[in-house]
Structures are given as C-alpha cells and as structure tokens.
Amino acid sequence: MNPAMIRHLELLGLQRSPFPPTPDTTGYFQTLALERDLVEAGHCLRTRAGFVLLTGEVGTGKTTFLRKLIAGLEQDGMVVSLVFNTFLQGGDLLAAVLRDFALMPQGNPAADIETLNRFLLQCWQRQTTCVLVIDDAQNLDIESLELLRLLTCLESGQEKLLQIVLAGQPELLTLLAQPGIRQLTSRISKHACLDPLPAGSVRAYVQHRLQAAGGNDRFSLHEDAAAALYQATGGNPRHIHLIMDRCLYGLYADNGAQRTIDATLVQAAAAEAGVRQPRAKRRHAPSWAIAASLAALCGIATTTLLRSGDSHAEPAPAAAVAQVPQDHAWERCIAKIDPAVRVRQSVPAQTAALLQTHGGRCLRSTGTQAEIAFGAPAMSQPLDAVPGQIRHLQQQLREAGHYDGHIDGRLGPLTHRAIARLQLRYHLPGTGIADPLTLHLLDSLPSGASTSSNPTDIPPYGHG
C-alpha cells in the first residue's frame, strides 16, 4: 500500500480501503443467494458434473465471486487454471491454459492438447480435480469455443478430466446461443447470474464494507444517503465503490466520534466521480429467443406487480393489467420478498406473459425482455441428493407433457432432457438444469396441463 493511501486511511481511523477499485474478497458481502450460488457451483465442479456459467453486468462482482470460488476449490486440493486475458484466441488461448497449469506449450495445438491430456490423466489418477476458469469469456471467438468443446471431450472413460467455468457479461449468453456450439452449452450444469444490489441492501453493503475495514461504528450512512446512492448507481457495486471512496475524502473535516454520510455528500461525490444515474439497459437475450420476445411485447404491461393475495383472482388479459410508475412500484414490490430467498432474473416476454397470470411475484418490462423477482428458499443440499424432490420434479414434468419415464427419483438423462424441453418451450436457455426460475415456472403451470408440443422423442418408460 502506498504511503499516501496509508495516511488517508489513518486520518479516517481505517485499517484498509473499504471501497477499493479492484476486486476484493476481504470484505465480501455474501448474501444467502450468493452463498447458494457458491455452494452449488462448487458442488458441480467437485462432482465433475459439467460446466459452470457465471454472468453479470460490468461491476456486479463476477471476478470477486470467482476468487471466492477458486479459494474454496484450492483449499480442497483442486488444481485451478485462471485465464483472464480472453483476447488470446485459439492456439494462444490453449498455450495460456498450459502455462497456468505449469506446463510448457509446444507451439502446436495438437501437441499441446496431448500434453494437457497427459497432465489431466495424471491428476485424475491421483484423484485430483482440475478446473479451468475463464473470465471475460464474452470475448472468446468461435474458434476458442470450439477449442473448449474439444477440451470437454478429454475423459478417463467414465469422467470428464477438465471442469470449466465460463464467466462474462450478458453478451456471453448470445454467444453461447449459436447453434454451432450447442454441444458445449448442453453441458452447462449451473448458471449463476449476478444482479446489482437491490435498494434495500445498499445501506447494509456500505456498512459491512466499512466494518470490515476497521470502521466499527464510527461511520453512519443515513437512509436518505443510501437512497441517493442507489439512485446514482442502480445498485452496481463498482459504482458504489467509486462514490463512497469520494465520500470518505469529504469526511476529513468531520472529527466527531461518528462520521455521518448524508445525501448531499453522496450526490456531490457522484458528480465528482462522474457516475451518472443508470438507464434501463436491455438484457441480451439469446438470438433464437429475440423474435419470439418481440412478438409478445404488446401483451405485457410496462410494469406488472403481482402479490400472493391476487392468486385467487381470475387471470386478466396482459394488456389490461394496471400500469404503475416503474422504478418506485418495482422496488416497493420486491421489498416485500425476503432478501434471503429473493431471486431476480431477466426472462423473455412470452415467459413473462405466462408468469404474470399467477401471484407471489413481481414483474416489470425491460425492453425486449422482462424482469422477474420471486422467493426461492435455499436448499440445504443439492437437488439430486433428495430423491423425494426429484420425484416431485419428474411428476411435474410429466403433467406438463415433457417427461415419459419412470418416477424413480433419479436425476438422469431423461429428466435433464425433459427440463431442457420445458425451458425451450418457454423461451429459456435449454440447459436441462432445474434452476430456481425453472422450478418457479413449473410451479406456475396449471396442474395437469400439458404444454409440450412434441413429446414423442422421449423414450417411454425409461429411467430418470
């Protein structure tokens, strides 16, 4: 740490910078939703279950999440290669992977793959799992994605030798939606999507960061300051850090026992930091879903807010749903959902058109997409560890017309295929993974309703 920063922190009575400009796991603000994603991602990698996909807008904490994940994997004795310069493509990318595994590239892709394969086999024989983590994966080209597909083919005969984590901005979803790489995307077993902080968590986030830096109770962020901070940043952690770092400079003259950050200071700091109030940004939908999403836009009100108390009402046409001021009503609605179990996700418009006819959730239009928030209690163990939950899932899939196998409690290929077909039916990425949104969608379907247009390619009476 440079002397100027040390002096700056000493004047404030802090031990370290609470709002650094670079990823920092020391003061990690871990919600139950983030903890759930970390546990599930780690479980997928430890059990060699397939790809892990991590997406989020710039500044939402993807790199910090990866560092937490990698630290846990390495603590378990796993070997991890981290590639963050994804402007390297093809053979150069492969060489970077080898170097990070402490292997010497030969300058020939075929020879390099053979070198990597031998190394992975040796690790597998020692019962050591190898993981490749690629940050900023939205920069990869088709050649590099094909290379990753080839690397997923390296196996011992029973297990994949290399586990892969792809992290990137939402553009990565569009990249992965290309038909030519469906073999790669079919192996995604966990998709974690990092959203900005909700308005109700901004104050807790700031106080947590200050406490972790040694601030104890010497700093106070007023509620109106937290509201101003959210208005200026939209809950983006990187922007919060920029503004709060400027706010700390504004506290030099405050020598009281407790330094107070008010809305005026936040607004001035936002202006100095050049952070502007964020505009609503269109989510990047997979290319195959865009046309369908556009076709359904006229059926979705600008903002639809539904609570469980509405669930007994007769479903109204989408266009007839009352419209309300978007930001305020949305925040008021999601504030009623327990943050510990709250899930926020972007969905195609046609999917939202179905979901809006059921209570217990919040919906709003965001361009060609819609945003949904709902409660999804965290499970104490992975879904596939509880046969009763799998049997219930299989029964729901059967009632929806997508599953024709035995109700055996096994999360096998037939069940994954049925999940994928349900997802594609409602314009979601066909990952085949029973993520919170998919489970919520299943719960939203009328009991006994068959929605599958072509279920006949599922072999009848097969197992899981």
Protein backbone atom coordinates (compact mmCIF):
# COMPACT_ATOMS: atom_id res chain seq x y z
CA MET A 1 0.00 0.00 0.00
CA ASN A 2 1.42 3.38 -0.99
CA PRO A 3 2.23 6.00 1.72
CA ALA A 4 -0.47 8.42 0.57
CA MET A 5 -3.16 5.74 0.95
CA ILE A 6 -1.81 4.75 4.38
CA ARG A 7 -2.01 8.38 5.55
CA HIS A 8 -5.51 8.71 4.07
CA LEU A 9 -6.74 5.66 5.98
CA GLU A 10 -5.04 6.72 9.23
CA LEU A 11 -6.88 10.05 9.16
CA LEU A 12 -10.16 8.16 8.93
CA GLY A 13 -9.24 5.53 11.50
CA LEU A 14 -9.43 2.70 8.96
CA GLN A 15 -7.09 -0.27 8.62
CA ARG A 16 -7.61 -0.81 4.90
CA SER A 17 -9.53 0.67 2.00
CA PRO A 18 -13.21 -0.24 2.35
CA PHE A 19 -14.03 0.62 -1.26
CA PRO A 20 -11.07 -0.42 -3.45
CA PRO A 21 -11.27 -0.06 -7.24
CA THR A 22 -10.15 -3.67 -7.75
CA PRO A 23 -11.86 -6.97 -6.81
CA ASP A 24 -11.50 -7.65 -3.10
CA THR A 25 -12.67 -10.71 -1.16
CA THR A 26 -11.60 -9.49 2.29
CA GLY A 27 -14.83 -7.59 2.91
CA TYR A 28 -17.01 -9.83 0.75
CA PHE A 29 -20.71 -9.08 1.21
CA GLN A 30 -22.20 -12.55 0.97
CA THR A 31 -25.96 -12.81 0.82
CA LEU A 32 -27.73 -16.15 1.14
CA ALA A 33 -28.35 -16.08 -2.62
CA LEU A 34 -24.62 -15.61 -3.32
CA GLU A 35 -23.76 -18.30 -0.81
CA ARG A 36 -26.19 -20.66 -2.52
CA ASP A 37 -24.60 -19.96 -5.91
CA LEU A 38 -21.11 -20.53 -4.50
CA VAL A 39 -22.11 -23.82 -2.88
CA GLU A 40 -23.90 -25.10 -5.98
CA ALA A 41 -21.08 -24.07 -8.33
CA GLY A 42 -18.51 -25.73 -6.08
CA HIS A 43 -20.63 -28.87 -5.88
CA CYS A 44 -20.88 -29.09 -9.69
CA LEU A 45 -17.10 -28.81 -10.04
CA ARG A 46 -16.23 -31.19 -7.21
CA THR A 47 -18.57 -33.86 -8.58
CA ARG A 48 -17.40 -33.28 -12.20
CA ALA A 49 -20.99 -32.56 -13.20
CA GLY A 50 -20.25 -30.18 -16.08
CA PHE A 51 -19.81 -26.53 -16.98
CA VAL A 52 -20.45 -23.66 -14.61
CA LEU A 53 -21.63 -20.43 -16.23
CA LEU A 54 -21.42 -17.05 -14.44
CA THR A 55 -22.91 -13.92 -15.99
CA GLY A 56 -23.48 -10.36 -14.84
CA GLU A 57 -23.16 -6.77 -15.95
CA VAL A 58 -19.87 -4.89 -15.60
CA GLY A 59 -19.14 -4.15 -11.95
CA THR A 60 -21.56 -6.63 -10.35
CA GLY A 61 -18.78 -8.69 -8.73
CA LYS A 62 -18.05 -11.56 -11.14
CA THR A 63 -14.27 -11.55 -10.57
CA THR A 64 -14.70 -11.35 -6.80
CA PHE A 65 -17.15 -14.27 -6.96
CA LEU A 66 -14.59 -16.24 -8.97
CA ARG A 67 -11.87 -15.53 -6.42
CA LYS A 68 -14.08 -16.82 -3.61
CA LEU A 69 -14.91 -19.90 -5.66
CA ILE A 70 -11.27 -20.58 -6.58
CA ALA A 71 -10.11 -20.14 -2.98
CA GLY A 72 -12.57 -22.80 -1.85
CA LEU A 73 -11.57 -25.19 -4.64
CA GLU A 74 -7.85 -24.81 -3.95
CA GLN A 75 -8.47 -25.30 -0.25
CA ASP A 76 -9.91 -28.70 -1.19
CA GLY A 77 -6.74 -29.58 -3.11
CA MET A 78 -8.09 -28.96 -6.60
CA VAL A 79 -5.81 -27.59 -9.33
CA VAL A 80 -7.16 -24.40 -10.90
CA SER A 81 -6.07 -22.53 -14.03
CA LEU A 82 -7.35 -18.95 -14.34
CA VAL A 83 -7.31 -17.28 -17.76
CA PHE A 84 -8.40 -13.63 -17.73
CA ASN A 85 -6.84 -12.40 -20.99
CA THR A 86 -9.50 -13.70 -23.35
CA PHE A 87 -8.27 -11.55 -26.22
CA LEU A 88 -5.98 -14.54 -26.66
CA GLN A 89 -7.74 -16.88 -29.06
CA GLY A 90 -7.37 -20.41 -30.38
CA GLY A 91 -3.83 -21.75 -30.05
CA ASP A 92 -2.69 -18.78 -27.97
CA LEU A 93 -5.51 -19.41 -25.51
CA LEU A 94 -4.54 -23.08 -25.27
CA ALA A 95 -0.92 -22.10 -24.61
CA ALA A 96 -2.05 -19.76 -21.82
CA VAL A 97 -4.03 -22.62 -20.24
CA LEU A 98 -0.97 -24.88 -20.31
CA ARG A 99 1.28 -22.23 -18.78
CA ASP A 100 -1.17 -21.65 -15.94
CA PHE A 101 -1.12 -25.39 -15.25
CA ALA A 102 2.73 -25.07 -15.15
CA LEU A 103 3.06 -26.95 -18.45
CA MET A 104 5.32 -26.00 -21.37
CA PRO A 105 3.47 -25.24 -24.64
CA GLN A 106 4.96 -26.80 -27.77
CA GLY A 107 3.57 -24.23 -30.20
CA ASN A 108 1.44 -26.89 -31.91
CA PRO A 109 -2.23 -27.19 -30.87
CA ALA A 110 -2.36 -30.96 -31.36
CA ALA A 111 0.80 -31.47 -29.31
CA ASP A 112 -0.42 -29.04 -26.65
CA ILE A 113 -3.73 -30.89 -26.28
CA GLU A 114 -1.82 -34.15 -25.90
CA THR A 115 0.40 -32.56 -23.23
CA LEU A 116 -2.66 -31.29 -21.39
CA ASN A 117 -4.40 -34.66 -21.68
CA ARG A 118 -1.43 -36.49 -20.09
CA PHE A 119 -1.33 -33.97 -17.26
CA LEU A 120 -5.07 -34.28 -16.62
CA LEU A 121 -4.87 -38.08 -16.62
CA GLN A 122 -2.08 -37.97 -14.06
CA CYS A 123 -4.15 -35.68 -11.85
CA TRP A 124 -7.20 -37.93 -12.25
CA GLN A 125 -5.16 -40.96 -11.19
CA ARG A 126 -4.20 -39.03 -8.04
CA GLN A 127 -7.92 -38.22 -7.57
CA THR A 128 -7.19 -34.53 -8.10
CA THR A 129 -9.79 -32.46 -9.94
CA CYS A 130 -8.58 -29.86 -12.46
CA VAL A 131 -10.60 -26.74 -13.18
CA LEU A 132 -10.21 -24.17 -15.96
CA VAL A 133 -11.69 -20.74 -15.16
CA ILE A 134 -12.08 -18.24 -17.99
CA ASP A 135 -13.02 -14.67 -17.05
CA ASP A 136 -14.41 -12.16 -19.58
CA ALA A 137 -15.47 -15.11 -21.71
CA GLN A 138 -17.71 -12.88 -23.84
CA ASN A 139 -14.53 -12.00 -25.77
CA LEU A 140 -14.00 -15.57 -26.99
CA ASP A 141 -14.45 -16.28 -30.68
CA ILE A 142 -15.96 -19.36 -32.30
CA GLU A 143 -12.54 -20.98 -32.72
CA SER A 144 -11.88 -20.68 -28.99
CA LEU A 145 -15.32 -22.02 -28.08
CA GLU A 146 -14.68 -25.00 -30.35
CA LEU A 147 -11.38 -25.50 -28.52
CA LEU A 148 -13.24 -25.58 -25.21
CA ARG A 149 -15.64 -28.14 -26.67
CA LEU A 150 -12.66 -30.32 -27.58
CA LEU A 151 -11.25 -29.96 -24.07
CA THR A 152 -14.54 -31.19 -22.63
CA CYS A 153 -14.06 -34.38 -24.65
CA LEU A 154 -10.93 -35.27 -22.66
CA GLU A 155 -12.08 -38.04 -20.35
CA SER A 156 -10.97 -41.08 -18.41
CA GLY A 157 -13.69 -43.26 -19.89
CA GLN A 158 -16.04 -42.55 -17.01
CA GLU A 159 -15.43 -38.93 -16.02
CA LYS A 160 -14.50 -35.66 -17.67
CA LEU A 161 -10.91 -34.77 -16.92
CA LEU A 162 -11.33 -30.98 -17.03
CA GLN A 163 -14.05 -28.93 -15.36
CA ILE A 164 -14.70 -25.49 -16.87
CA VAL A 165 -16.08 -22.21 -15.51
CA LEU A 166 -17.06 -19.51 -18.02
CA ALA A 167 -17.65 -16.02 -16.63
CA GLY A 168 -18.66 -12.98 -18.62
CA GLN A 169 -21.05 -10.15 -19.36
CA PRO A 170 -24.60 -10.88 -20.62
CA GLU A 171 -23.30 -10.84 -24.20
CA LEU A 172 -21.88 -14.27 -23.39
CA LEU A 173 -25.42 -15.69 -23.42
CA THR A 174 -25.91 -14.53 -27.00
CA LEU A 175 -22.56 -16.05 -27.94
CA LEU A 176 -23.48 -19.38 -26.38
CA ALA A 177 -26.89 -19.42 -28.10
CA GLN A 178 -25.30 -20.10 -31.51
CA PRO A 179 -26.47 -23.47 -32.88
CA GLY A 180 -22.93 -24.49 -33.86
CA ILE A 181 -21.82 -24.82 -30.24
CA ARG A 182 -24.89 -26.47 -28.75
CA GLN A 183 -22.73 -29.44 -27.71
CA LEU A 184 -20.84 -27.06 -25.44
CA THR A 185 -23.89 -25.35 -23.94
CA SER A 186 -25.67 -28.66 -23.36
CA ARG A 187 -23.05 -29.40 -20.71
CA ILE A 188 -23.81 -26.35 -18.56
CA SER A 189 -24.88 -27.69 -15.18
CA LYS A 190 -25.03 -24.44 -13.19
CA HIS A 191 -25.77 -20.86 -14.28
CA ALA A 192 -25.22 -18.15 -11.66
CA CYS A 193 -26.44 -14.68 -12.63
CA LEU A 194 -25.14 -11.76 -10.56
CA ASP A 195 -27.57 -8.85 -10.33
CA PRO A 196 -26.98 -5.36 -8.92
CA LEU A 197 -27.78 -4.88 -5.24
CA PRO A 198 -31.46 -4.15 -4.53
CA ALA A 199 -32.23 -0.77 -2.97
CA GLY A 200 -32.86 -2.33 0.42
CA SER A 201 -29.36 -3.86 0.58
CA VAL A 202 -27.24 -0.83 -0.38
CA ARG A 203 -27.00 0.57 3.14
CA ALA A 204 -26.13 -2.84 4.62
CA TYR A 205 -23.48 -3.31 1.93
CA VAL A 206 -21.79 0.02 2.71
CA GLN A 207 -21.87 -0.55 6.47
CA HIS A 208 -20.47 -4.07 6.02
CA ARG A 209 -17.56 -2.79 3.93
CA LEU A 210 -16.77 -0.06 6.47
CA GLN A 211 -16.91 -2.54 9.37
CA ALA A 212 -14.60 -4.98 7.54
CA ALA A 213 -12.08 -2.15 7.04
CA GLY A 214 -11.96 -1.40 10.76
CA GLY A 215 -14.56 1.34 10.83
CA ASN A 216 -16.54 -0.31 13.62
CA ASP A 217 -19.39 2.09 14.39
CA ARG A 218 -17.54 5.31 13.57
CA PHE A 219 -19.36 5.82 10.26
CA SER A 220 -23.07 6.26 9.63
CA LEU A 221 -24.86 6.23 6.27
CA HIS A 222 -28.23 7.97 6.52
CA GLU A 223 -31.23 6.29 4.92
CA ASP A 224 -31.65 9.22 2.53
CA ALA A 225 -27.97 8.86 1.61
CA ALA A 226 -28.49 5.17 0.86
CA ALA A 227 -31.45 6.07 -1.34
CA ALA A 228 -29.36 8.69 -3.17
CA LEU A 229 -26.56 6.15 -3.57
CA TYR A 230 -28.92 3.62 -5.11
CA GLN A 231 -30.42 6.26 -7.39
CA ALA A 232 -26.94 7.19 -8.65
CA THR A 233 -25.63 3.64 -9.08
CA GLY A 234 -28.59 1.35 -9.63
CA GLY A 235 -27.01 -0.93 -7.02
CA ASN A 236 -23.87 -1.59 -9.08
CA PRO A 237 -21.09 -2.38 -6.54
CA ARG A 238 -18.31 -0.88 -8.66
CA HIS A 239 -20.15 2.42 -8.94
CA ILE A 240 -20.93 2.32 -5.23
CA HIS A 241 -17.21 1.99 -4.53
CA LEU A 242 -16.38 4.98 -6.76
CA ILE A 243 -18.87 7.22 -4.99
CA MET A 244 -18.18 6.03 -1.46
CA ASP A 245 -14.44 6.46 -1.92
CA ARG A 246 -15.10 10.12 -2.80
CA CYS A 247 -17.40 10.42 0.22
CA LEU A 248 -14.57 9.37 2.53
CA TYR A 249 -12.49 12.32 1.34
CA GLY A 250 -15.42 14.57 2.22
CA LEU A 251 -15.31 13.35 5.83
CA TYR A 252 -11.84 14.69 6.65
CA ALA A 253 -13.26 17.79 8.34
CA ASP A 254 -15.67 15.71 10.45
CA ASN A 255 -13.73 14.91 13.63
CA GLY A 256 -16.69 13.71 15.67
CA ALA A 257 -16.97 10.31 17.29
CA GLN A 258 -19.21 9.25 14.43
CA ARG A 259 -18.74 10.50 10.89
CA THR A 260 -22.03 10.95 9.06
CA ILE A 261 -22.58 10.46 5.33
CA ASP A 262 -25.71 12.25 4.13
CA ALA A 263 -27.49 12.51 0.79
CA THR A 264 -25.85 15.85 -0.07
CA LEU A 265 -22.38 14.34 0.28
CA VAL A 266 -23.37 11.30 -1.81
CA GLN A 267 -24.78 13.47 -4.59
CA ALA A 268 -21.66 15.66 -4.64
CA ALA A 269 -19.40 12.60 -4.68
CA ALA A 270 -21.41 11.07 -7.54
CA ALA A 271 -20.96 14.25 -9.57
CA GLU A 272 -17.21 14.34 -8.87
CA ALA A 273 -16.78 10.64 -9.69
CA GLY A 274 -18.64 11.06 -12.97
CA VAL A 275 -21.18 8.37 -12.11
CA ARG A 276 -24.48 9.05 -13.80
CA GLN A 277 -27.85 7.63 -12.91
CA PRO A 278 -28.06 4.35 -14.86
CA ARG A 279 -30.53 3.99 -17.68
CA ALA A 280 -32.59 0.89 -18.09
CA LYS A 281 -30.38 -1.45 -20.08
CA ARG A 282 -31.74 -4.11 -22.38
CA ARG A 283 -30.72 -7.59 -21.42
CA HIS A 284 -29.03 -9.65 -24.08
CA ALA A 285 -31.43 -12.41 -24.99
CA PRO A 286 -30.22 -15.49 -26.87
CA SER A 287 -30.66 -14.85 -30.59
CA TRP A 288 -33.19 -17.66 -31.01
CA ALA A 289 -35.48 -16.04 -28.44
CA ILE A 290 -35.43 -12.42 -29.66
CA ALA A 291 -38.08 -12.78 -32.37
CA ALA A 292 -40.46 -14.57 -30.03
CA SER A 293 -39.86 -11.97 -27.33
CA LEU A 294 -40.65 -9.10 -29.69
CA ALA A 295 -43.85 -10.79 -30.80
CA ALA A 296 -45.12 -10.95 -27.22
CA LEU A 297 -44.18 -7.42 -26.13
CA CYS A 298 -47.62 -5.99 -26.77
CA GLY A 299 -49.03 -8.43 -24.23
CA ILE A 300 -47.03 -7.16 -21.28
CA ALA A 301 -47.80 -4.03 -19.31
CA THR A 302 -44.95 -1.64 -18.64
CA THR A 303 -44.83 -2.87 -15.05
CA THR A 304 -46.92 -5.71 -13.65
CA LEU A 305 -46.82 -6.18 -9.90
CA LEU A 306 -48.50 -9.27 -8.50
CA ARG A 307 -48.57 -10.46 -4.95
CA SER A 308 -49.83 -13.74 -3.50
CA GLY A 309 -53.06 -12.08 -2.45
CA ASP A 310 -54.04 -11.82 -6.13
CA SER A 311 -53.65 -15.53 -6.79
CA HIS A 312 -57.37 -16.31 -6.40
CA ALA A 313 -58.44 -13.64 -8.86
CA GLU A 314 -59.46 -14.53 -12.38
CA PRO A 315 -56.44 -14.06 -14.73
CA ALA A 316 -56.81 -10.84 -16.68
CA PRO A 317 -55.53 -10.19 -20.20
CA ALA A 318 -51.95 -8.96 -20.12
CA ALA A 319 -52.77 -5.63 -21.71
CA ALA A 320 -55.42 -4.95 -19.08
CA VAL A 321 -53.03 -5.08 -16.12
CA ALA A 322 -52.77 -1.70 -14.42
CA GLN A 323 -49.57 0.19 -15.12
CA VAL A 324 -47.73 1.99 -12.33
CA PRO A 325 -44.60 4.17 -12.10
CA GLN A 326 -41.95 1.59 -12.88
CA ASP A 327 -38.98 2.10 -10.56
CA HIS A 328 -40.88 3.03 -7.40
CA ALA A 329 -43.53 0.32 -7.71
CA TRP A 330 -40.96 -2.31 -8.62
CA GLU A 331 -38.83 -1.55 -5.57
CA ARG A 332 -41.93 -1.48 -3.36
CA CYS A 333 -42.96 -4.89 -4.67
CA ILE A 334 -39.61 -6.64 -4.32
CA ALA A 335 -39.15 -5.17 -0.85
CA LYS A 336 -41.99 -7.47 0.24
CA ILE A 337 -39.94 -10.55 -0.74
CA ASP A 338 -37.44 -11.73 1.88
CA PRO A 339 -33.95 -10.74 0.58
CA ALA A 340 -32.57 -14.02 1.92
CA VAL A 341 -34.58 -16.02 -0.62
CA ARG A 342 -35.19 -13.41 -3.33
CA VAL A 343 -34.25 -14.25 -6.92
CA ARG A 344 -34.17 -11.60 -9.66
CA GLN A 345 -33.79 -12.66 -13.27
CA SER A 346 -34.41 -11.49 -16.81
CA VAL A 347 -36.88 -13.58 -18.81
CA PRO A 348 -38.24 -13.43 -22.37
CA ALA A 349 -41.51 -11.60 -22.83
CA GLN A 350 -43.52 -14.71 -23.70
CA THR A 351 -42.40 -16.39 -20.49
CA ALA A 352 -43.43 -13.32 -18.51
CA ALA A 353 -46.83 -13.38 -20.21
CA LEU A 354 -47.44 -16.77 -18.57
CA LEU A 355 -45.94 -15.85 -15.21
CA GLN A 356 -47.89 -12.63 -14.83
CA THR A 357 -51.16 -14.55 -14.51
CA HIS A 358 -50.01 -16.04 -11.20
CA GLY A 359 -49.43 -14.35 -7.85
CA GLY A 360 -46.47 -14.26 -5.50
CA ARG A 361 -44.00 -12.46 -7.73
CA CYS A 362 -43.03 -9.08 -9.19
CA LEU A 363 -42.70 -8.40 -12.91
CA ARG A 364 -41.66 -5.42 -15.00
CA SER A 365 -40.86 -4.86 -18.65
CA THR A 366 -37.23 -4.08 -19.58
CA GLY A 367 -37.28 -3.54 -23.34
CA THR A 368 -37.49 -6.80 -25.27
CA GLN A 369 -37.22 -8.71 -22.00
CA ALA A 370 -38.99 -8.66 -18.66
CA GLU A 371 -37.54 -8.83 -15.16
CA ILE A 372 -38.98 -11.15 -12.54
CA ALA A 373 -38.44 -11.34 -8.80
CA PHE A 374 -39.71 -14.14 -6.59
CA GLY A 375 -38.85 -16.09 -3.46
CA ALA A 376 -36.85 -19.32 -3.87
CA PRO A 377 -35.82 -20.76 -0.49
CA ALA A 378 -32.26 -22.08 -0.45
CA MET A 379 -31.96 -25.85 -0.23
CA SER A 380 -29.75 -27.30 2.48
CA GLN A 381 -28.32 -29.78 -0.03
CA PRO A 382 -28.22 -30.23 -3.82
CA LEU A 383 -31.47 -31.17 -5.53
CA ASP A 384 -30.12 -34.53 -6.70
CA ALA A 385 -29.33 -35.51 -3.10
CA VAL A 386 -33.03 -35.62 -2.20
CA PRO A 387 -34.89 -38.35 -4.18
CA GLY A 388 -38.27 -37.10 -2.96
CA GLN A 389 -37.66 -33.72 -4.58
CA ILE A 390 -36.59 -35.36 -7.83
CA ARG A 391 -39.73 -37.50 -7.89
CA HIS A 392 -41.86 -34.39 -7.37
CA LEU A 393 -39.97 -32.67 -10.20
CA GLN A 394 -40.48 -35.66 -12.51
CA GLN A 395 -44.20 -35.70 -11.70
CA GLN A 396 -44.49 -32.00 -12.55
CA LEU A 397 -42.62 -32.53 -15.82
CA ARG A 398 -44.91 -35.44 -16.67
CA GLU A 399 -48.01 -33.34 -16.01
CA ALA A 400 -46.55 -30.66 -18.28
CA GLY A 401 -46.15 -33.26 -21.04
CA HIS A 402 -42.35 -33.30 -21.15
CA TYR A 403 -41.42 -36.46 -19.22
CA ASP A 404 -42.47 -40.03 -20.02
CA GLY A 405 -40.00 -42.01 -17.92
CA HIS A 406 -40.34 -43.71 -14.56
CA ILE A 407 -40.93 -41.57 -11.46
CA ASP A 408 -37.80 -43.01 -9.86
CA GLY A 409 -36.15 -40.04 -8.11
CA ARG A 410 -33.08 -40.25 -10.36
CA LEU A 411 -31.75 -37.06 -11.93
CA GLY A 412 -30.62 -38.78 -15.11
CA PRO A 413 -30.52 -38.00 -18.86
CA LEU A 414 -34.30 -38.32 -19.40
CA THR A 415 -35.05 -35.86 -16.62
CA HIS A 416 -32.42 -33.40 -17.87
CA ARG A 417 -33.86 -33.63 -21.39
CA ALA A 418 -37.37 -33.05 -20.10
CA ILE A 419 -36.21 -29.98 -18.18
CA ALA A 420 -34.43 -28.65 -21.28
CA ARG A 421 -37.54 -29.09 -23.41
CA LEU A 422 -39.68 -27.29 -20.86
CA GLN A 423 -37.16 -24.44 -20.82
CA LEU A 424 -37.08 -24.18 -24.61
CA ARG A 425 -40.88 -24.34 -24.70
CA TYR A 426 -40.95 -21.15 -22.65
CA HIS A 427 -38.04 -19.46 -24.44
CA LEU A 428 -35.44 -20.03 -21.72
CA PRO A 429 -31.92 -21.38 -22.36
CA GLY A 430 -32.24 -25.15 -22.63
CA THR A 431 -29.64 -26.01 -20.00
CA GLY A 432 -31.52 -29.01 -18.63
CA ILE A 433 -30.77 -27.76 -15.10
CA ALA A 434 -33.54 -27.35 -12.53
CA ASP A 435 -32.55 -23.82 -11.54
CA PRO A 436 -34.81 -21.60 -9.37
CA LEU A 437 -36.51 -19.95 -12.37
CA THR A 438 -37.31 -23.32 -13.98
CA LEU A 439 -38.74 -24.67 -10.72
CA HIS A 440 -40.76 -21.47 -10.31
CA LEU A 441 -42.05 -21.83 -13.88
CA LEU A 442 -43.13 -25.42 -13.19
CA ASP A 443 -44.98 -24.31 -10.07
CA SER A 444 -46.75 -21.67 -12.17
CA LEU A 445 -48.18 -24.15 -14.67
CA PRO A 446 -51.78 -25.25 -14.08
CA SER A 447 -51.91 -28.72 -12.52
CA GLY A 448 -52.24 -31.42 -15.15
CA ALA A 449 -51.73 -29.02 -18.05
CA SER A 450 -49.81 -30.45 -20.98
CA THR A 451 -47.75 -27.79 -22.75
CA SER A 452 -45.38 -29.89 -24.78
CA SER A 453 -45.91 -29.66 -28.49
CA ASN A 454 -43.81 -32.69 -29.36
CA PRO A 455 -43.03 -35.07 -26.52
CA THR A 456 -42.70 -38.16 -28.63
CA ASP A 457 -38.90 -38.16 -28.93
CA ILE A 458 -38.52 -39.07 -25.24
CA PRO A 459 -38.20 -42.86 -24.98
CA PRO A 460 -41.20 -44.14 -22.97
CA TYR A 461 -40.74 -45.81 -19.62
CA GLY A 462 -37.02 -45.09 -19.39
CA HIS A 463 -35.30 -44.29 -16.12
CA GLY A 464 -34.52 -40.72 -14.90
